[in-house]
Amino acid sequence: MTQSDAGGKIKVLVVDDSAVVRQVLQSALSSDPSIEVIGAAADPLFAKERMKRQWPDVIVLDVEMPRMDGITFLGQLMRERPTPVIICSTLTEKGAATTLQALAAGAVHVVTKPTVGIRDFLLDSANDLIAAVKAAARVNPGNLQRRAPAPAGPATATPAPAGGEAMLRTTERIVAIGTSTGGTQALETVLTDLPRVCAPIAIVQHMPAMFTAAFAERLNGLCQIEVREAKSGDRLIPGLALIAPGGQHLKIARQGAQYYAEVFDGPLVNRHKPSVDVLFRSAAQVAGRNAVGIIMTGMGGDGARGLRLMREAGATTMAQDEASCVVFGMPKEAIKLDAAERVGGFPEIVELIRRA
């Protein structure tokens, strides 16, 4: 049980080689009375010394640092004593790939920072950062990844071909998946266990813009199915999973017997863009009983009402169980609304998709 669980303040350690970032993060986090910044370190080696004296509930961690990088530190942390980690990463293509390694290794959230104007950006994003720390403090450490991150590089698995059997089959059923905190690891667990040809999948994972393309590319190299970032007009075909781009909504449209992805801008829904509710509502409207809706680990209630609409439309619906969730927030809300007709862990989720 963490100090925050016991009713005290959430103890946070900031690890970043930039003195400006450390100062701004400390100031922003300390403005919330429920958070106590117990220290700030310039690199993981200094952080380790600080953690010998007092263990934090949440660590805000940079990726690129001297002496030891954040990925190596995170891997050691998850093997020795899993602790919720928020990655504070620069918005660059290189940074996106590295940050995804961190998420695969067990980090629970990403806070993006620009290469210039960091002070103003972080101050403007203080509320989002505070919310992320509070969410991280409530995760189940036992479900954080304990394995080392997979190396970034060429694909090692053979994705479904652009033509052939997957293209020739007519789409009859679709699967819609929504997830948030802890979802990058959960999606990897589920998608890597699917056969090359299975029902088409549309996914909303709460993730900043810049990261979803790299996330999809990474999964594509690990899975038998093809995984890519969605764009408007993409046909949902067997053996293909489409992930909503960060910063845009994804919904399913239908033309005749075929389903298509529609990517669009719009206001935040449940404080998110992309929003799981937007995806689920569209699945209920255009697919009805031909759809499967699955809500997985995440903080908040996004997707619960949409899943209820899917169930009312005749779709098969499932919520991830508490035992396997990093954060049992979104599934819990869906269960409370009687939106999920079944509840299960990863094996049950994979089997549901296989049978679809």
Foldseek 3Di string as FASTA:
>chain_A
DDPVVVPAAAEEEEEALDPLVQVLLQVLQVVDVRHDDQYYYNHVVVVVVSVVVPNGQEYEAEADGPPDGPLVSLLVCLQPPQHAYEYEFELDLVRLLSVLLSLLQFHFYYHYAYPPPRNVVCNVCSVVVNVVSVQRSQFDSVQGHNHRGDDDDAFPEAAQDPDDDQVPDFAQAEEEEEEEGSVLNLCLLQQQPAAQFFHFYEYEYFHAASRQQSSQVVSCSRHRARGGAFEWPAWRTTRYYHYHGHQWEWAWDDDPRTITIYIGHDDADQNGHHFLLRHLQRCLVHNQQRYEYEYEADADATNLVSLQSNVVSNHAYEYEDPVNHRHCHNSVSNVVVVSHPYYYHSVVVNVVRRVD
